[in-house]
Amino acid sequence: MFSGSFFSSKYKGGDGVWRHTAFDRGYIVNMLGGKEWMLGRHYTVSYRINRRGLTHEFSIKHINCTGTKSYYGYEYAYREDTFKPMTFNLSLPNISYKLEF
């Protein structure tokens, strides 16, 4: 990304005379570029390419990478006449490509 500005920075002193400030350079130019890598809650790695009017994003996400058991509900154990908690372990890799415009 590239941007620029022309400006004038002045102040009016106690004697009524306008003077230039120390920050009055008349113009400023900025340039920005970069790459984005994100590590999220579910171990996400993504790469984003920003273009004018269009963004491409490639990402790899691994949900429940550590194999933690998740609570699902209760089931009735007829022989014991009790309810037992149901858990499951789901480890899911996900590769995606996204376009935003």
N, C-alpha and C. Protein backbone atom coordinates (compact mmCIF):
# COMPACT_ATOMS: atom_id res chain seq x y z
N MET A 1 0.85 -1.15 0.00
CA MET A 1 0.00 0.00 0.00
C MET A 1 0.90 1.22 0.00
N PHE A 2 0.50 2.23 -0.71
CA PHE A 2 1.26 3.45 -0.85
C PHE A 2 0.32 4.63 -0.63
N SER A 3 0.74 5.61 0.18
CA SER A 3 -0.09 6.79 0.40
C SER A 3 0.80 8.01 0.62
N GLY A 4 0.23 9.19 0.43
CA GLY A 4 0.96 10.42 0.64
C GLY A 4 0.02 11.58 0.93
N SER A 5 0.57 12.62 1.56
CA SER A 5 -0.22 13.80 1.91
C SER A 5 0.63 15.06 1.79
N PHE A 6 -0.02 16.15 1.38
CA PHE A 6 0.58 17.48 1.42
C PHE A 6 -0.13 18.25 2.52
N PHE A 7 0.63 18.95 3.36
CA PHE A 7 0.01 19.68 4.46
C PHE A 7 0.88 20.86 4.89
N SER A 8 0.29 21.71 5.68
CA SER A 8 0.98 22.84 6.27
C SER A 8 0.61 22.89 7.74
N SER A 9 1.61 22.92 8.62
CA SER A 9 1.36 22.93 10.06
C SER A 9 1.86 24.26 10.64
N LYS A 10 0.92 25.09 11.05
CA LYS A 10 1.27 26.42 11.58
C LYS A 10 0.54 26.68 12.89
N TYR A 11 1.04 27.64 13.65
CA TYR A 11 0.36 28.08 14.86
C TYR A 11 0.41 29.60 14.94
N LYS A 12 -0.54 30.15 15.68
CA LYS A 12 -0.60 31.59 15.86
C LYS A 12 -0.06 31.93 17.25
N GLY A 13 1.02 32.68 17.30
CA GLY A 13 1.66 33.03 18.56
C GLY A 13 0.88 34.09 19.33
N GLY A 14 1.35 34.37 20.54
CA GLY A 14 0.71 35.36 21.38
C GLY A 14 0.75 36.76 20.80
N ASP A 15 1.70 37.01 19.87
CA ASP A 15 1.79 38.32 19.23
C ASP A 15 0.94 38.41 17.98
N GLY A 16 0.15 37.35 17.66
CA GLY A 16 -0.75 37.37 16.51
C GLY A 16 -0.10 36.99 15.19
N VAL A 17 1.16 36.56 15.21
CA VAL A 17 1.88 36.19 13.98
C VAL A 17 1.82 34.67 13.80
N TRP A 18 1.49 34.23 12.54
CA TRP A 18 1.46 32.80 12.21
C TRP A 18 2.88 32.33 11.95
N ARG A 19 3.26 31.21 12.57
CA ARG A 19 4.60 30.64 12.40
C ARG A 19 4.48 29.16 12.06
N HIS A 20 5.50 28.62 11.37
CA HIS A 20 5.55 27.18 11.06
C HIS A 20 5.95 26.41 12.31
N THR A 21 5.34 25.22 12.51
CA THR A 21 5.70 24.37 13.65
C THR A 21 6.93 23.54 13.29
N ALA A 22 7.46 22.83 14.28
CA ALA A 22 8.60 21.95 14.05
C ALA A 22 8.22 20.75 13.17
N PHE A 23 6.93 20.47 13.07
CA PHE A 23 6.46 19.32 12.29
C PHE A 23 6.03 19.69 10.88
N ASP A 24 6.22 20.91 10.46
CA ASP A 24 5.78 21.36 9.14
C ASP A 24 6.82 20.99 8.09
N ARG A 25 6.65 19.83 7.49
CA ARG A 25 7.55 19.38 6.44
C ARG A 25 6.93 19.55 5.05
N GLY A 26 5.65 19.84 5.01
CA GLY A 26 4.99 20.09 3.74
C GLY A 26 4.42 18.86 3.07
N TYR A 27 5.00 17.70 3.29
CA TYR A 27 4.48 16.47 2.70
C TYR A 27 4.93 15.28 3.54
N ILE A 28 4.27 14.17 3.34
CA ILE A 28 4.67 12.90 3.95
C ILE A 28 4.29 11.78 2.98
N VAL A 29 5.11 10.75 2.90
CA VAL A 29 4.89 9.61 2.03
C VAL A 29 5.01 8.35 2.89
N ASN A 30 4.07 7.43 2.71
CA ASN A 30 4.07 6.16 3.44
C ASN A 30 3.99 4.99 2.47
N MET A 31 4.70 3.91 2.80
CA MET A 31 4.60 2.68 2.03
C MET A 31 4.54 1.52 3.02
N LEU A 32 3.64 0.58 2.77
CA LEU A 32 3.43 -0.53 3.67
C LEU A 32 3.32 -1.81 2.87
N GLY A 33 3.96 -2.85 3.34
CA GLY A 33 3.86 -4.16 2.72
C GLY A 33 4.07 -5.21 3.79
N GLY A 34 3.66 -6.44 3.53
CA GLY A 34 3.89 -7.46 4.54
C GLY A 34 3.22 -8.77 4.24
N LYS A 35 3.45 -9.68 5.13
CA LYS A 35 2.90 -11.02 5.09
C LYS A 35 2.23 -11.27 6.43
N GLU A 36 1.14 -11.99 6.46
CA GLU A 36 0.42 -12.23 7.70
C GLU A 36 0.40 -13.72 8.02
N TRP A 37 0.93 -14.07 9.18
CA TRP A 37 0.88 -15.44 9.68
C TRP A 37 0.17 -15.39 11.02
N MET A 38 -0.88 -16.20 11.18
CA MET A 38 -1.65 -16.17 12.41
C MET A 38 -1.67 -17.55 13.05
N LEU A 39 -1.49 -17.58 14.34
CA LEU A 39 -1.68 -18.81 15.11
C LEU A 39 -2.85 -18.57 16.04
N GLY A 40 -3.93 -19.24 15.79
CA GLY A 40 -5.16 -18.99 16.54
C GLY A 40 -5.41 -20.02 17.62
N ARG A 41 -6.61 -20.01 18.14
CA ARG A 41 -7.00 -20.89 19.23
C ARG A 41 -6.96 -22.36 18.83
N HIS A 42 -7.24 -22.65 17.59
CA HIS A 42 -7.26 -24.03 17.11
C HIS A 42 -6.04 -24.32 16.24
N TYR A 43 -4.92 -23.70 16.53
CA TYR A 43 -3.69 -23.88 15.77
C TYR A 43 -3.91 -23.61 14.28
N THR A 44 -4.17 -22.37 13.96
CA THR A 44 -4.43 -21.93 12.60
C THR A 44 -3.20 -21.23 12.04
N VAL A 45 -2.83 -21.60 10.83
CA VAL A 45 -1.78 -20.90 10.10
C VAL A 45 -2.42 -20.41 8.81
N SER A 46 -2.31 -19.10 8.55
CA SER A 46 -2.92 -18.57 7.34
C SER A 46 -1.97 -17.63 6.62
N TYR A 47 -2.16 -17.53 5.32
CA TYR A 47 -1.38 -16.64 4.47
C TYR A 47 -2.36 -15.83 3.65
N ARG A 48 -2.26 -14.52 3.72
CA ARG A 48 -3.22 -13.64 3.05
C ARG A 48 -2.51 -12.76 2.02
N ILE A 49 -3.13 -12.66 0.83
CA ILE A 49 -2.64 -11.78 -0.23
C ILE A 49 -3.72 -10.73 -0.47
N ASN A 50 -3.39 -9.48 -0.19
CA ASN A 50 -4.34 -8.39 -0.37
C ASN A 50 -4.09 -7.71 -1.71
N ARG A 51 -5.10 -7.64 -2.52
CA ARG A 51 -5.07 -6.94 -3.80
C ARG A 51 -6.20 -5.91 -3.81
N ARG A 52 -6.16 -5.01 -4.71
CA ARG A 52 -7.21 -4.00 -4.81
C ARG A 52 -8.53 -4.66 -5.18
N GLY A 53 -9.49 -4.62 -4.29
CA GLY A 53 -10.81 -5.19 -4.53
C GLY A 53 -10.90 -6.69 -4.35
N LEU A 54 -9.81 -7.36 -3.97
CA LEU A 54 -9.82 -8.82 -3.85
C LEU A 54 -8.77 -9.26 -2.84
N THR A 55 -9.13 -10.20 -1.98
CA THR A 55 -8.20 -10.76 -1.00
C THR A 55 -8.24 -12.28 -1.12
N HIS A 56 -7.07 -12.90 -1.20
CA HIS A 56 -6.93 -14.35 -1.22
C HIS A 56 -6.42 -14.78 0.16
N GLU A 57 -6.97 -15.85 0.71
CA GLU A 57 -6.47 -16.36 1.98
C GLU A 57 -6.38 -17.88 1.92
N PHE A 58 -5.19 -18.40 2.19
CA PHE A 58 -4.94 -19.83 2.29
C PHE A 58 -4.75 -20.12 3.78
N SER A 59 -5.39 -21.16 4.30
CA SER A 59 -5.21 -21.45 5.72
C SER A 59 -5.26 -22.95 5.98
N ILE A 60 -4.54 -23.32 7.04
CA ILE A 60 -4.55 -24.69 7.55
C ILE A 60 -4.94 -24.58 9.01
N LYS A 61 -5.99 -25.28 9.39
CA LYS A 61 -6.49 -25.24 10.75
C LYS A 61 -6.55 -26.67 11.28
N HIS A 62 -6.10 -26.86 12.50
CA HIS A 62 -6.21 -28.17 13.13
C HIS A 62 -7.01 -28.00 14.41
N ILE A 63 -8.25 -28.48 14.37
CA ILE A 63 -9.16 -28.37 15.50
C ILE A 63 -8.92 -29.53 16.45
N ASN A 64 -8.81 -29.24 17.72
CA ASN A 64 -8.55 -30.21 18.78
C ASN A 64 -7.28 -31.00 18.51
N CYS A 65 -6.23 -30.29 18.26
CA CYS A 65 -4.93 -30.89 17.97
C CYS A 65 -4.39 -31.70 19.14
N THR A 66 -4.74 -31.32 20.37
CA THR A 66 -4.23 -32.00 21.56
C THR A 66 -5.03 -33.24 21.92
N GLY A 67 -6.16 -33.48 21.27
CA GLY A 67 -6.95 -34.68 21.52
C GLY A 67 -7.77 -34.63 22.79
N THR A 68 -8.15 -33.45 23.23
CA THR A 68 -8.97 -33.30 24.43
C THR A 68 -10.37 -33.85 24.19
N LYS A 69 -10.87 -34.61 25.17
CA LYS A 69 -12.22 -35.16 25.04
C LYS A 69 -13.25 -34.07 25.26
N SER A 70 -14.31 -34.09 24.46
CA SER A 70 -15.38 -33.10 24.55
C SER A 70 -16.63 -33.76 25.11
N TYR A 71 -17.34 -33.03 25.94
CA TYR A 71 -18.58 -33.51 26.54
C TYR A 71 -19.69 -33.46 25.49
N TYR A 72 -20.45 -34.55 25.35
CA TYR A 72 -21.49 -34.64 24.34
C TYR A 72 -22.89 -34.68 24.95
N GLY A 73 -23.03 -35.24 26.12
CA GLY A 73 -24.34 -35.38 26.75
C GLY A 73 -24.32 -36.55 27.72
N TYR A 74 -25.50 -37.09 28.01
CA TYR A 74 -25.63 -38.24 28.90
C TYR A 74 -26.28 -39.39 28.15
N GLU A 75 -25.92 -40.61 28.59
CA GLU A 75 -26.60 -41.80 28.09
C GLU A 75 -27.06 -42.63 29.30
N TYR A 76 -28.15 -43.31 29.12
CA TYR A 76 -28.69 -44.11 30.20
C TYR A 76 -28.13 -45.51 30.11
N ALA A 77 -27.50 -45.98 31.20
CA ALA A 77 -26.99 -47.35 31.28
C ALA A 77 -28.07 -48.20 31.96
N TYR A 78 -28.76 -48.99 31.16
CA TYR A 78 -29.92 -49.74 31.64
C TYR A 78 -29.54 -50.73 32.73
N ARG A 79 -28.44 -51.47 32.54
CA ARG A 79 -28.06 -52.50 33.51
C ARG A 79 -27.65 -51.91 34.86
N GLU A 80 -27.02 -50.72 34.84
CA GLU A 80 -26.62 -50.10 36.11
C GLU A 80 -27.68 -49.15 36.63
N ASP A 81 -28.68 -48.84 35.83
CA ASP A 81 -29.75 -47.91 36.19
C ASP A 81 -29.20 -46.53 36.55
N THR A 82 -28.24 -46.05 35.73
CA THR A 82 -27.63 -44.73 35.97
C THR A 82 -27.45 -44.01 34.62
N PHE A 83 -27.19 -42.74 34.75
CA PHE A 83 -26.84 -41.93 33.58
C PHE A 83 -25.33 -41.73 33.58
N LYS A 84 -24.71 -41.92 32.43
CA LYS A 84 -23.27 -41.74 32.31
C LYS A 84 -22.98 -40.64 31.30
N PRO A 85 -21.98 -39.82 31.59
CA PRO A 85 -21.64 -38.77 30.62
C PRO A 85 -21.03 -39.36 29.35
N MET A 86 -21.39 -38.78 28.23
CA MET A 86 -20.85 -39.22 26.94
C MET A 86 -19.81 -38.20 26.49
N THR A 87 -18.66 -38.68 26.08
CA THR A 87 -17.60 -37.81 25.56
C THR A 87 -17.14 -38.37 24.22
N PHE A 88 -16.51 -37.50 23.43
CA PHE A 88 -15.93 -37.95 22.18
C PHE A 88 -14.65 -37.18 21.94
N ASN A 89 -13.80 -37.75 21.14
CA ASN A 89 -12.52 -37.16 20.81
C ASN A 89 -12.46 -37.00 19.29
N LEU A 90 -12.47 -35.76 18.83
CA LEU A 90 -12.43 -35.49 17.39
C LEU A 90 -11.26 -34.58 17.09
N SER A 91 -10.34 -35.04 16.30
CA SER A 91 -9.22 -34.23 15.84
C SER A 91 -9.42 -34.03 14.34
N LEU A 92 -9.55 -32.76 13.92
CA LEU A 92 -9.96 -32.48 12.55
C LEU A 92 -9.03 -31.49 11.87
N PRO A 93 -8.25 -31.93 10.89
CA PRO A 93 -7.47 -30.97 10.10
C PRO A 93 -8.35 -30.37 9.01
N ASN A 94 -8.11 -29.09 8.69
CA ASN A 94 -8.93 -28.40 7.69
C ASN A 94 -8.01 -27.51 6.85
N ILE A 95 -8.05 -27.68 5.55
CA ILE A 95 -7.29 -26.84 4.61
C ILE A 95 -8.31 -26.05 3.81
N SER A 96 -8.12 -24.71 3.73
CA SER A 96 -9.12 -23.91 3.04
C SER A 96 -8.49 -22.81 2.20
N TYR A 97 -9.26 -22.33 1.23
CA TYR A 97 -8.91 -21.21 0.39
C TYR A 97 -10.13 -20.30 0.35
N LYS A 98 -9.94 -19.00 0.62
CA LYS A 98 -11.06 -18.08 0.68
C LYS A 98 -10.78 -16.84 -0.17
N LEU A 99 -11.79 -16.42 -0.92
CA LEU A 99 -11.74 -15.17 -1.69
C LEU A 99 -12.68 -14.17 -1.08
N GLU A 100 -12.21 -12.96 -0.84
CA GLU A 100 -13.06 -11.88 -0.36
C GLU A 100 -13.00 -10.74 -1.35
N PHE A 101 -14.17 -10.26 -1.78
CA PHE A 101 -14.21 -9.13 -2.71
C PHE A 101 -15.35 -8.23 -2.38
